[in-house]
Amino acid sequence: MHYPIGLLFDLLASSSALPWNIIVHFKSFPEKDLLHCPSKDAIEAHFMSCMKEADALKHKSQVINEMQKKDHKQLWMGLQNDRFDQFWAINRKLMEYPAEENGFRYIPFRIYQTTTERPFIQKLFRPVAADGQLHTLGDLLREVCPSAIAPEDGGKKNQVMIHGIEPMLETPLQWLSEHLSYPDNFLHISIIPQPID
């Protein structure tokens, strides 16, 4: 319940045919594999916690702290009721940054790998290098998860997926964060073995 459905698809089923068949069990909940969700309020609290964490990374929590309780509720209700306009009216503020800064303070991202036991990798990473150059997805992966990048003399072993697509490694990380972040404002990046077909 705590991972976005698109991320689960990228990690577990991206090589399968669509539509993705999901089996829902109503007995014997797998407590050892999944977090049990006690209520809708717990989901809302988890979502808002992620939003606050992302804003702390991007803006030192200044944007979310300046919002009123009704704005927080509008974010949640827009997401819950599939009302993009309602959600985006507030979320837009969380995606802005001063022009002189060239981007967020840090990029809120999580890297997931199917080949490790670790749930995800999350570190501080700036969208702009000290020399003013925009960091790319490749820069992030080389620093945080070098095993995801194919060596120059070898074949490609992994696929990097975001929202079911494989973005080019030259894509600026700031752009990815603004345009491909999930509703929780995190960039969820899946590293999966290269399909053999």
N, C-alpha and C. Protein backbone atom coordinates (compact mmCIF):
# COMPACT_ATOMS: atom_id res chain seq x y z
N MET A 1 0.82 -1.20 0.00
CA MET A 1 0.00 0.00 0.00
C MET A 1 0.86 1.25 0.00
N HIS A 2 2.12 1.13 0.37
CA HIS A 2 2.94 2.33 0.49
C HIS A 2 3.78 2.62 -0.76
N TYR A 3 3.68 1.79 -1.79
CA TYR A 3 4.36 2.06 -3.07
C TYR A 3 3.31 2.43 -4.12
N PRO A 4 3.60 3.43 -4.96
CA PRO A 4 2.65 3.76 -6.04
C PRO A 4 2.48 2.58 -7.00
N ILE A 5 1.29 2.44 -7.55
CA ILE A 5 0.98 1.32 -8.43
C ILE A 5 1.87 1.31 -9.68
N GLY A 6 2.20 2.49 -10.20
CA GLY A 6 3.08 2.56 -11.37
C GLY A 6 4.47 2.03 -11.06
N LEU A 7 4.97 2.31 -9.87
CA LEU A 7 6.26 1.79 -9.44
C LEU A 7 6.21 0.27 -9.33
N LEU A 8 5.14 -0.25 -8.73
CA LEU A 8 4.99 -1.71 -8.62
C LEU A 8 4.97 -2.35 -10.00
N PHE A 9 4.28 -1.70 -10.94
CA PHE A 9 4.25 -2.24 -12.30
C PHE A 9 5.65 -2.26 -12.91
N ASP A 10 6.39 -1.14 -12.77
CA ASP A 10 7.76 -1.08 -13.30
C ASP A 10 8.64 -2.18 -12.70
N LEU A 11 8.52 -2.39 -11.40
CA LEU A 11 9.37 -3.38 -10.71
C LEU A 11 8.97 -4.82 -10.99
N LEU A 12 7.69 -5.08 -11.06
CA LEU A 12 7.23 -6.46 -11.06
C LEU A 12 6.63 -6.96 -12.37
N ALA A 13 6.17 -6.07 -13.23
CA ALA A 13 5.39 -6.55 -14.37
C ALA A 13 5.66 -5.81 -15.67
N SER A 14 6.70 -4.98 -15.74
CA SER A 14 6.89 -4.15 -16.93
C SER A 14 7.12 -4.96 -18.20
N SER A 15 7.53 -6.21 -18.06
CA SER A 15 7.73 -7.02 -19.27
C SER A 15 6.49 -7.84 -19.62
N SER A 16 5.43 -7.73 -18.81
CA SER A 16 4.22 -8.50 -19.09
C SER A 16 3.27 -7.71 -19.99
N ALA A 17 2.33 -8.42 -20.55
CA ALA A 17 1.36 -7.79 -21.45
C ALA A 17 0.34 -6.99 -20.64
N LEU A 18 -0.18 -5.96 -21.26
CA LEU A 18 -1.23 -5.17 -20.64
C LEU A 18 -2.58 -5.69 -21.08
N PRO A 19 -3.64 -5.59 -20.35
CA PRO A 19 -3.68 -5.02 -19.01
C PRO A 19 -3.02 -5.94 -18.00
N TRP A 20 -2.50 -5.34 -16.94
CA TRP A 20 -1.83 -6.08 -15.88
C TRP A 20 -2.89 -6.76 -15.02
N ASN A 21 -2.83 -8.07 -14.93
CA ASN A 21 -3.79 -8.82 -14.12
C ASN A 21 -3.33 -8.81 -12.67
N ILE A 22 -4.20 -8.35 -11.80
CA ILE A 22 -3.90 -8.29 -10.37
C ILE A 22 -4.87 -9.21 -9.64
N ILE A 23 -4.33 -10.02 -8.76
CA ILE A 23 -5.16 -10.93 -7.96
C ILE A 23 -5.33 -10.31 -6.58
N VAL A 24 -6.57 -10.14 -6.17
CA VAL A 24 -6.89 -9.57 -4.86
C VAL A 24 -7.35 -10.69 -3.95
N HIS A 25 -6.69 -10.83 -2.79
CA HIS A 25 -7.05 -11.85 -1.80
C HIS A 25 -7.82 -11.19 -0.66
N PHE A 26 -8.88 -11.81 -0.21
CA PHE A 26 -9.67 -11.29 0.89
C PHE A 26 -9.46 -12.07 2.19
N LYS A 27 -8.61 -13.08 2.16
CA LYS A 27 -8.28 -13.87 3.35
C LYS A 27 -6.76 -14.00 3.44
N SER A 28 -6.29 -14.32 4.62
CA SER A 28 -4.86 -14.61 4.85
C SER A 28 -3.98 -13.47 4.36
N PHE A 29 -4.18 -12.28 4.90
CA PHE A 29 -3.38 -11.12 4.50
C PHE A 29 -1.90 -11.41 4.74
N PRO A 30 -1.02 -11.15 3.76
CA PRO A 30 0.42 -11.46 3.89
C PRO A 30 1.17 -10.42 4.75
N GLU A 31 0.97 -10.49 6.06
CA GLU A 31 1.55 -9.52 6.99
C GLU A 31 3.07 -9.40 6.85
N LYS A 32 3.74 -10.50 6.50
CA LYS A 32 5.20 -10.46 6.41
C LYS A 32 5.69 -9.78 5.13
N ASP A 33 4.82 -9.62 4.14
CA ASP A 33 5.20 -9.03 2.86
C ASP A 33 4.69 -7.61 2.67
N LEU A 34 3.55 -7.29 3.25
CA LEU A 34 2.91 -5.99 3.03
C LEU A 34 2.56 -5.32 4.35
N LEU A 35 2.58 -4.00 4.34
CA LEU A 35 2.10 -3.26 5.50
C LEU A 35 0.58 -3.30 5.49
N HIS A 36 0.01 -3.59 6.62
CA HIS A 36 -1.45 -3.62 6.71
C HIS A 36 -1.95 -2.19 6.90
N CYS A 37 -2.90 -1.81 6.11
CA CYS A 37 -3.45 -0.45 6.17
C CYS A 37 -4.66 -0.43 7.09
N PRO A 38 -4.55 0.23 8.25
CA PRO A 38 -5.67 0.22 9.19
C PRO A 38 -6.86 1.09 8.78
N SER A 39 -6.61 2.18 7.99
CA SER A 39 -7.72 3.07 7.64
C SER A 39 -7.32 4.00 6.51
N LYS A 40 -8.34 4.72 5.98
CA LYS A 40 -8.06 5.74 4.95
C LYS A 40 -7.24 6.88 5.55
N ASP A 41 -7.45 7.16 6.83
CA ASP A 41 -6.67 8.22 7.49
C ASP A 41 -5.19 7.89 7.51
N ALA A 42 -4.85 6.61 7.65
CA ALA A 42 -3.44 6.19 7.65
C ALA A 42 -2.81 6.42 6.28
N ILE A 43 -3.57 6.18 5.23
CA ILE A 43 -3.06 6.41 3.87
C ILE A 43 -2.85 7.90 3.65
N GLU A 44 -3.80 8.71 4.08
CA GLU A 44 -3.66 10.16 3.94
C GLU A 44 -2.45 10.67 4.73
N ALA A 45 -2.26 10.17 5.93
CA ALA A 45 -1.12 10.59 6.76
C ALA A 45 0.20 10.20 6.10
N HIS A 46 0.25 9.00 5.53
CA HIS A 46 1.47 8.55 4.84
C HIS A 46 1.75 9.44 3.62
N PHE A 47 0.72 9.72 2.85
CA PHE A 47 0.86 10.58 1.67
C PHE A 47 1.38 11.96 2.07
N MET A 48 0.76 12.58 3.07
CA MET A 48 1.17 13.92 3.49
C MET A 48 2.58 13.91 4.06
N SER A 49 2.95 12.84 4.73
CA SER A 49 4.32 12.71 5.24
C SER A 49 5.33 12.69 4.09
N CYS A 50 5.01 11.97 3.03
CA CYS A 50 5.89 11.94 1.84
C CYS A 50 5.97 13.31 1.19
N MET A 51 4.83 14.00 1.10
CA MET A 51 4.81 15.35 0.51
C MET A 51 5.70 16.29 1.33
N LYS A 52 5.60 16.20 2.64
CA LYS A 52 6.40 17.06 3.51
C LYS A 52 7.88 16.73 3.40
N GLU A 53 8.21 15.45 3.28
CA GLU A 53 9.61 15.06 3.12
C GLU A 53 10.17 15.58 1.79
N ALA A 54 9.39 15.46 0.74
CA ALA A 54 9.84 15.96 -0.57
C ALA A 54 10.04 17.47 -0.53
N ASP A 55 9.13 18.19 0.12
CA ASP A 55 9.27 19.64 0.21
C ASP A 55 10.46 20.04 1.08
N ALA A 56 10.75 19.26 2.10
CA ALA A 56 11.93 19.54 2.93
C ALA A 56 13.20 19.45 2.07
N LEU A 57 13.24 18.48 1.17
CA LEU A 57 14.40 18.33 0.29
C LEU A 57 14.46 19.45 -0.75
N LYS A 58 13.31 19.81 -1.32
CA LYS A 58 13.28 20.80 -2.39
C LYS A 58 13.38 22.23 -1.89
N HIS A 59 12.66 22.55 -0.82
CA HIS A 59 12.50 23.95 -0.40
C HIS A 59 12.72 24.19 1.09
N LYS A 60 13.36 23.27 1.80
CA LYS A 60 13.54 23.39 3.26
C LYS A 60 12.19 23.49 3.98
N SER A 61 11.18 22.86 3.46
CA SER A 61 9.81 22.82 4.01
C SER A 61 9.09 24.16 4.00
N GLN A 62 9.64 25.15 3.33
CA GLN A 62 9.04 26.48 3.35
C GLN A 62 7.69 26.52 2.65
N VAL A 63 7.54 25.81 1.55
CA VAL A 63 6.30 25.89 0.77
C VAL A 63 5.16 25.19 1.51
N ILE A 64 5.39 23.97 1.95
CA ILE A 64 4.31 23.22 2.60
C ILE A 64 3.93 23.85 3.94
N ASN A 65 4.91 24.44 4.64
CA ASN A 65 4.61 25.08 5.93
C ASN A 65 3.82 26.37 5.77
N GLU A 66 3.93 27.02 4.61
CA GLU A 66 3.17 28.25 4.36
C GLU A 66 1.73 27.95 3.92
N MET A 67 1.47 26.72 3.57
CA MET A 67 0.11 26.34 3.15
C MET A 67 -0.80 26.21 4.36
N GLN A 68 -2.08 26.40 4.11
CA GLN A 68 -3.07 26.22 5.15
C GLN A 68 -3.55 24.77 5.17
N LYS A 69 -4.22 24.40 6.22
CA LYS A 69 -4.75 23.05 6.35
C LYS A 69 -5.69 22.71 5.19
N LYS A 70 -6.46 23.69 4.72
CA LYS A 70 -7.38 23.45 3.60
C LYS A 70 -6.61 23.12 2.32
N ASP A 71 -5.39 23.69 2.15
CA ASP A 71 -4.57 23.36 0.98
C ASP A 71 -4.10 21.91 1.05
N HIS A 72 -3.68 21.48 2.24
CA HIS A 72 -3.27 20.09 2.42
C HIS A 72 -4.43 19.15 2.11
N LYS A 73 -5.62 19.52 2.58
CA LYS A 73 -6.81 18.71 2.33
C LYS A 73 -7.15 18.68 0.85
N GLN A 74 -6.98 19.82 0.17
CA GLN A 74 -7.27 19.87 -1.27
C GLN A 74 -6.31 18.97 -2.05
N LEU A 75 -5.04 18.93 -1.65
CA LEU A 75 -4.08 18.01 -2.29
C LEU A 75 -4.59 16.58 -2.17
N TRP A 76 -4.94 16.19 -0.95
CA TRP A 76 -5.38 14.83 -0.71
C TRP A 76 -6.69 14.51 -1.43
N MET A 77 -7.65 15.40 -1.33
CA MET A 77 -8.95 15.15 -1.96
C MET A 77 -8.83 15.10 -3.48
N GLY A 78 -7.99 15.95 -4.04
CA GLY A 78 -7.77 15.92 -5.49
C GLY A 78 -7.20 14.59 -5.94
N LEU A 79 -6.25 14.08 -5.17
CA LEU A 79 -5.65 12.78 -5.49
C LEU A 79 -6.67 11.66 -5.28
N GLN A 80 -7.32 11.66 -4.16
CA GLN A 80 -8.27 10.60 -3.81
C GLN A 80 -9.43 10.53 -4.80
N ASN A 81 -9.91 11.67 -5.25
CA ASN A 81 -11.07 11.71 -6.13
C ASN A 81 -10.71 11.81 -7.61
N ASP A 82 -9.42 11.64 -7.92
CA ASP A 82 -8.96 11.68 -9.31
C ASP A 82 -9.32 12.99 -9.99
N ARG A 83 -9.10 14.09 -9.27
CA ARG A 83 -9.38 15.44 -9.78
C ARG A 83 -8.05 16.16 -9.99
N PHE A 84 -7.47 15.99 -11.18
CA PHE A 84 -6.15 16.53 -11.49
C PHE A 84 -6.11 18.04 -11.27
N ASP A 85 -7.12 18.76 -11.73
CA ASP A 85 -7.12 20.22 -11.61
C ASP A 85 -7.10 20.66 -10.15
N GLN A 86 -7.85 19.98 -9.31
CA GLN A 86 -7.90 20.30 -7.88
C GLN A 86 -6.54 20.01 -7.23
N PHE A 87 -5.94 18.88 -7.56
CA PHE A 87 -4.64 18.50 -7.02
C PHE A 87 -3.55 19.47 -7.51
N TRP A 88 -3.54 19.71 -8.83
CA TRP A 88 -2.45 20.49 -9.42
C TRP A 88 -2.49 21.96 -9.03
N ALA A 89 -3.67 22.49 -8.71
CA ALA A 89 -3.77 23.88 -8.27
C ALA A 89 -2.88 24.14 -7.06
N ILE A 90 -2.74 23.14 -6.19
CA ILE A 90 -1.89 23.27 -5.00
C ILE A 90 -0.49 22.71 -5.27
N ASN A 91 -0.42 21.57 -5.93
CA ASN A 91 0.88 20.92 -6.16
C ASN A 91 1.81 21.79 -7.00
N ARG A 92 1.26 22.64 -7.85
CA ARG A 92 2.07 23.53 -8.68
C ARG A 92 3.04 24.35 -7.82
N LYS A 93 2.57 24.80 -6.66
CA LYS A 93 3.41 25.59 -5.76
C LYS A 93 4.61 24.78 -5.27
N LEU A 94 4.42 23.48 -5.11
CA LEU A 94 5.49 22.61 -4.63
C LEU A 94 6.51 22.28 -5.72
N MET A 95 6.16 22.56 -6.97
CA MET A 95 7.06 22.27 -8.09
C MET A 95 7.79 23.51 -8.60
N GLU A 96 7.56 24.66 -7.99
CA GLU A 96 8.21 25.89 -8.43
C GLU A 96 9.50 26.12 -7.65
N TYR A 97 10.37 26.94 -8.23
CA TYR A 97 11.62 27.33 -7.57
C TYR A 97 12.05 28.67 -8.13
N PRO A 98 12.82 29.44 -7.38
CA PRO A 98 13.28 30.74 -7.88
C PRO A 98 14.18 30.56 -9.12
N ALA A 99 13.98 31.41 -10.12
CA ALA A 99 14.73 31.29 -11.39
C ALA A 99 16.24 31.36 -11.17
N GLU A 100 16.68 32.15 -10.22
CA GLU A 100 18.12 32.30 -10.00
C GLU A 100 18.76 31.05 -9.40
N GLU A 101 17.96 30.12 -8.90
CA GLU A 101 18.51 28.91 -8.30
C GLU A 101 18.65 27.76 -9.30
N ASN A 102 18.07 27.83 -10.47
CA ASN A 102 18.17 26.80 -11.52
C ASN A 102 17.62 25.44 -11.10
N GLY A 103 16.87 25.37 -10.02
CA GLY A 103 16.31 24.09 -9.63
C GLY A 103 16.06 23.98 -8.14
N PHE A 104 15.64 22.80 -7.75
CA PHE A 104 15.37 22.53 -6.34
C PHE A 104 16.68 22.47 -5.55
N ARG A 105 16.56 22.53 -4.23
CA ARG A 105 17.73 22.41 -3.37
C ARG A 105 18.33 21.01 -3.52
N TYR A 106 17.50 19.99 -3.33
CA TYR A 106 17.86 18.59 -3.57
C TYR A 106 16.72 17.93 -4.33
N ILE A 107 17.04 16.88 -5.07
CA ILE A 107 16.02 16.14 -5.81
C ILE A 107 15.45 15.04 -4.92
N PRO A 108 14.13 15.03 -4.67
CA PRO A 108 13.55 13.93 -3.92
C PRO A 108 13.41 12.71 -4.84
N PHE A 109 14.22 11.70 -4.59
CA PHE A 109 14.19 10.50 -5.43
C PHE A 109 14.36 9.27 -4.55
N ARG A 110 13.92 8.16 -5.09
CA ARG A 110 14.17 6.85 -4.50
C ARG A 110 14.45 5.89 -5.64
N ILE A 111 15.51 5.11 -5.48
CA ILE A 111 15.88 4.12 -6.49
C ILE A 111 15.57 2.74 -5.93
N TYR A 112 14.81 1.97 -6.69
CA TYR A 112 14.41 0.63 -6.30
C TYR A 112 15.08 -0.37 -7.23
N GLN A 113 15.54 -1.49 -6.66
CA GLN A 113 16.16 -2.54 -7.46
C GLN A 113 15.53 -3.87 -7.12
N THR A 114 15.26 -4.67 -8.13
CA THR A 114 14.66 -5.98 -7.89
C THR A 114 15.70 -7.00 -7.45
N THR A 115 16.98 -6.67 -7.61
CA THR A 115 18.05 -7.64 -7.34
C THR A 115 18.66 -7.49 -5.95
N THR A 116 18.12 -6.61 -5.10
CA THR A 116 18.67 -6.45 -3.76
C THR A 116 17.56 -6.57 -2.72
N GLU A 117 17.96 -6.80 -1.49
CA GLU A 117 17.01 -6.88 -0.37
C GLU A 117 16.67 -5.49 0.16
N ARG A 118 17.53 -4.51 -0.13
CA ARG A 118 17.32 -3.16 0.35
C ARG A 118 16.06 -2.58 -0.29
N PRO A 119 15.15 -1.97 0.51
CA PRO A 119 13.90 -1.48 -0.09
C PRO A 119 14.13 -0.40 -1.14
N PHE A 120 15.00 0.56 -0.87
CA PHE A 120 15.31 1.58 -1.86
C PHE A 120 16.54 2.36 -1.42
N ILE A 121 17.10 3.14 -2.37
CA ILE A 121 18.23 4.02 -2.09
C ILE A 121 17.71 5.45 -2.16
N GLN A 122 18.08 6.23 -1.16
CA GLN A 122 17.70 7.63 -1.12
C GLN A 122 18.86 8.40 -0.49
N LYS A 123 19.39 9.37 -1.20
CA LYS A 123 20.49 10.20 -0.70
C LYS A 123 20.26 11.64 -1.12
N LEU A 124 21.01 12.55 -0.53
CA LEU A 124 20.95 13.95 -0.95
C LEU A 124 21.68 14.08 -2.29
N PHE A 125 21.02 14.71 -3.26
CA PHE A 125 21.63 14.91 -4.57
C PHE A 125 21.08 16.21 -5.15
N ARG A 126 21.99 17.10 -5.48
CA ARG A 126 21.61 18.41 -6.02
C ARG A 126 21.36 18.30 -7.54
N PRO A 127 20.41 19.08 -8.06
CA PRO A 127 20.13 19.03 -9.50
C PRO A 127 21.16 19.78 -10.33
N VAL A 128 21.95 20.64 -9.68
CA VAL A 128 22.94 21.45 -10.38
C VAL A 128 24.31 21.21 -9.76
N ALA A 129 25.32 20.97 -10.61
CA ALA A 129 26.69 20.75 -10.15
C ALA A 129 27.31 22.06 -9.67
N ALA A 130 28.42 21.98 -8.98
CA ALA A 130 29.10 23.17 -8.46
C ALA A 130 29.49 24.13 -9.58
N ASP A 131 29.76 23.61 -10.78
CA ASP A 131 30.14 24.47 -11.91
C ASP A 131 28.94 25.06 -12.64
N GLY A 132 27.72 24.79 -12.15
CA GLY A 132 26.51 25.34 -12.76
C GLY A 132 25.85 24.44 -13.79
N GLN A 133 26.48 23.33 -14.14
CA GLN A 133 25.91 22.39 -15.11
C GLN A 133 24.77 21.60 -14.47
N LEU A 134 23.72 21.36 -15.24
CA LEU A 134 22.61 20.55 -14.75
C LEU A 134 23.04 19.09 -14.64
N HIS A 135 22.76 18.47 -13.50
CA HIS A 135 23.01 17.04 -13.36
C HIS A 135 21.96 16.27 -14.17
N THR A 136 22.38 15.12 -14.67
CA THR A 136 21.49 14.27 -15.46
C THR A 136 21.14 13.01 -14.68
N LEU A 137 20.22 12.24 -15.24
CA LEU A 137 19.88 10.94 -14.65
C LEU A 137 21.13 10.07 -14.59
N GLY A 138 21.94 10.10 -15.62
CA GLY A 138 23.19 9.33 -15.63
C GLY A 138 24.12 9.74 -14.51
N ASP A 139 24.24 11.05 -14.24
CA ASP A 139 25.08 11.53 -13.14
C ASP A 139 24.60 10.95 -11.81
N LEU A 140 23.29 10.99 -11.60
CA LEU A 140 22.72 10.45 -10.36
C LEU A 140 23.04 8.97 -10.22
N LEU A 141 22.81 8.20 -11.27
CA LEU A 141 23.04 6.76 -11.20
C LEU A 141 24.52 6.44 -11.02
N ARG A 142 25.41 7.16 -11.69
CA ARG A 142 26.85 6.91 -11.53
C ARG A 142 27.30 7.14 -10.09
N GLU A 143 26.70 8.14 -9.43
CA GLU A 143 27.09 8.43 -8.06
C GLU A 143 26.41 7.54 -7.03
N VAL A 144 25.12 7.30 -7.21
CA VAL A 144 24.34 6.63 -6.18
C VAL A 144 24.21 5.12 -6.41
N CYS A 145 24.14 4.71 -7.66
CA CYS A 145 23.90 3.30 -7.99
C CYS A 145 24.69 2.93 -9.25
N PRO A 146 26.04 2.92 -9.17
CA PRO A 146 26.84 2.71 -10.38
C PRO A 146 26.61 1.37 -11.08
N SER A 147 26.13 0.38 -10.36
CA SER A 147 25.88 -0.92 -10.99
C SER A 147 24.74 -0.86 -12.01
N ALA A 148 23.93 0.20 -11.97
CA ALA A 148 22.81 0.34 -12.91
C ALA A 148 23.27 0.77 -14.30
N ILE A 149 24.46 1.36 -14.38
CA ILE A 149 24.98 1.88 -15.64
C ILE A 149 25.83 0.80 -16.32
N ALA A 150 25.61 0.62 -17.61
CA ALA A 150 26.40 -0.35 -18.37
C ALA A 150 27.82 0.18 -18.55
N PRO A 151 28.82 -0.68 -18.32
CA PRO A 151 30.19 -0.25 -18.59
C PRO A 151 30.35 0.05 -20.08
N GLU A 152 31.28 0.97 -20.39
CA GLU A 152 31.44 1.38 -21.79
C GLU A 152 31.84 0.23 -22.70
N ASP A 153 32.54 -0.76 -22.17
CA ASP A 153 32.99 -1.88 -23.00
C ASP A 153 32.07 -3.10 -22.91
N GLY A 154 31.00 -2.99 -22.12
CA GLY A 154 30.12 -4.14 -21.93
C GLY A 154 28.71 -3.89 -22.40
N GLY A 155 27.93 -4.93 -22.35
CA GLY A 155 26.53 -4.84 -22.75
C GLY A 155 25.66 -4.29 -21.64
N LYS A 156 24.51 -3.84 -22.01
CA LYS A 156 23.55 -3.28 -21.07
C LYS A 156 22.89 -4.41 -20.27
N LYS A 157 23.02 -4.34 -18.94
CA LYS A 157 22.48 -5.39 -18.08
C LYS A 157 21.18 -4.97 -17.40
N ASN A 158 20.95 -3.66 -17.29
CA ASN A 158 19.79 -3.16 -16.56
C ASN A 158 18.98 -2.18 -17.40
N GLN A 159 17.74 -2.05 -17.00
CA GLN A 159 16.84 -1.07 -17.58
C GLN A 159 16.46 -0.10 -16.47
N VAL A 160 16.49 1.19 -16.77
CA VAL A 160 16.09 2.22 -15.82
C VAL A 160 14.69 2.69 -16.24
N MET A 161 13.72 2.50 -15.34
CA MET A 161 12.33 2.78 -15.68
C MET A 161 11.73 3.82 -14.74
N ILE A 162 10.98 4.76 -15.32
CA ILE A 162 10.18 5.73 -14.56
C ILE A 162 8.84 5.83 -15.28
N HIS A 163 7.77 5.55 -14.60
CA HIS A 163 6.42 5.59 -15.18
C HIS A 163 6.31 4.73 -16.44
N GLY A 164 6.95 3.59 -16.44
CA GLY A 164 6.82 2.68 -17.58
C GLY A 164 7.64 3.04 -18.79
N ILE A 165 8.46 4.08 -18.70
CA ILE A 165 9.33 4.44 -19.83
C ILE A 165 10.78 4.39 -19.38
N GLU A 166 11.67 4.29 -20.35
CA GLU A 166 13.10 4.27 -20.07
C GLU A 166 13.69 5.60 -20.56
N PRO A 167 13.82 6.58 -19.64
CA PRO A 167 14.35 7.88 -20.07
C PRO A 167 15.83 7.79 -20.43
N MET A 168 16.26 8.68 -21.30
CA MET A 168 17.68 8.72 -21.67
C MET A 168 18.49 9.17 -20.46
N LEU A 169 19.69 8.62 -20.32
CA LEU A 169 20.54 8.98 -19.19
C LEU A 169 21.00 10.43 -19.24
N GLU A 170 20.90 11.06 -20.41
CA GLU A 170 21.29 12.46 -20.57
C GLU A 170 20.19 13.43 -20.14
N THR A 171 19.04 12.93 -19.72
CA THR A 171 17.92 13.79 -19.32
C THR A 171 18.26 14.53 -18.03
N PRO A 172 18.09 15.87 -18.02
CA PRO A 172 18.37 16.61 -16.78
C PRO A 172 17.47 16.13 -15.63
N LEU A 173 18.09 15.93 -14.49
CA LEU A 173 17.38 15.43 -13.32
C LEU A 173 16.31 16.40 -12.84
N GLN A 174 16.58 17.70 -12.94
CA GLN A 174 15.58 18.70 -12.54
C GLN A 174 14.32 18.54 -13.39
N TRP A 175 14.49 18.36 -14.70
CA TRP A 175 13.34 18.19 -15.59
C TRP A 175 12.56 16.93 -15.22
N LEU A 176 13.27 15.83 -14.97
CA LEU A 176 12.60 14.59 -14.57
C LEU A 176 11.80 14.79 -13.29
N SER A 177 12.39 15.50 -12.33
CA SER A 177 11.71 15.72 -11.06
C SER A 177 10.45 16.56 -11.24
N GLU A 178 10.51 17.55 -12.09
CA GLU A 178 9.34 18.41 -12.33
C GLU A 178 8.25 17.70 -13.11
N HIS A 179 8.61 16.83 -14.05
CA HIS A 179 7.64 16.27 -14.99
C HIS A 179 7.30 14.79 -14.78
N LEU A 180 8.15 14.04 -14.08
CA LEU A 180 7.87 12.61 -13.91
C LEU A 180 7.79 12.18 -12.45
N SER A 181 7.73 13.13 -11.54
CA SER A 181 7.54 12.76 -10.14
C SER A 181 6.14 12.20 -9.94
N TYR A 182 6.01 11.30 -9.01
CA TYR A 182 4.70 10.76 -8.65
C TYR A 182 3.96 11.81 -7.82
N PRO A 183 2.68 11.60 -7.54
CA PRO A 183 1.93 12.61 -6.76
C PRO A 183 2.55 12.94 -5.40
N ASP A 184 3.35 12.03 -4.85
CA ASP A 184 4.01 12.33 -3.57
C ASP A 184 5.22 13.23 -3.74
N ASN A 185 5.48 13.68 -4.97
CA ASN A 185 6.58 14.57 -5.34
C ASN A 185 7.94 13.90 -5.33
N PHE A 186 7.99 12.58 -5.23
CA PHE A 186 9.24 11.84 -5.34
C PHE A 186 9.39 11.30 -6.75
N LEU A 187 10.61 11.24 -7.20
CA LEU A 187 10.96 10.60 -8.46
C LEU A 187 11.28 9.15 -8.11
N HIS A 188 10.39 8.22 -8.44
CA HIS A 188 10.58 6.81 -8.13
C HIS A 188 11.22 6.14 -9.35
N ILE A 189 12.46 5.68 -9.19
CA ILE A 189 13.25 5.13 -10.29
C ILE A 189 13.44 3.64 -10.06
N SER A 190 13.07 2.82 -11.04
CA SER A 190 13.22 1.36 -10.94
C SER A 190 14.41 0.92 -11.76
N ILE A 191 15.23 0.08 -11.17
CA ILE A 191 16.33 -0.57 -11.89
C ILE A 191 15.98 -2.05 -11.98
N ILE A 192 15.72 -2.51 -13.19
CA ILE A 192 15.32 -3.91 -13.38
C ILE A 192 16.27 -4.56 -14.38
N PRO A 193 16.45 -5.88 -14.28
CA PRO A 193 17.30 -6.56 -15.25
C PRO A 193 16.78 -6.36 -16.68
N GLN A 194 17.71 -6.19 -17.60
CA GLN A 194 17.36 -6.03 -19.01
C GLN A 194 16.60 -7.26 -19.50
N PRO A 195 15.39 -7.07 -20.06
CA PRO A 195 14.64 -8.24 -20.56
C PRO A 195 15.42 -8.95 -21.66
N ILE A 196 15.34 -10.26 -21.65
CA ILE A 196 16.02 -11.06 -22.68
C ILE A 196 14.95 -11.57 -23.63
N ASP A 197 14.81 -10.89 -24.77
CA ASP A 197 13.87 -11.34 -25.80
C ASP A 197 14.20 -10.77 -27.13
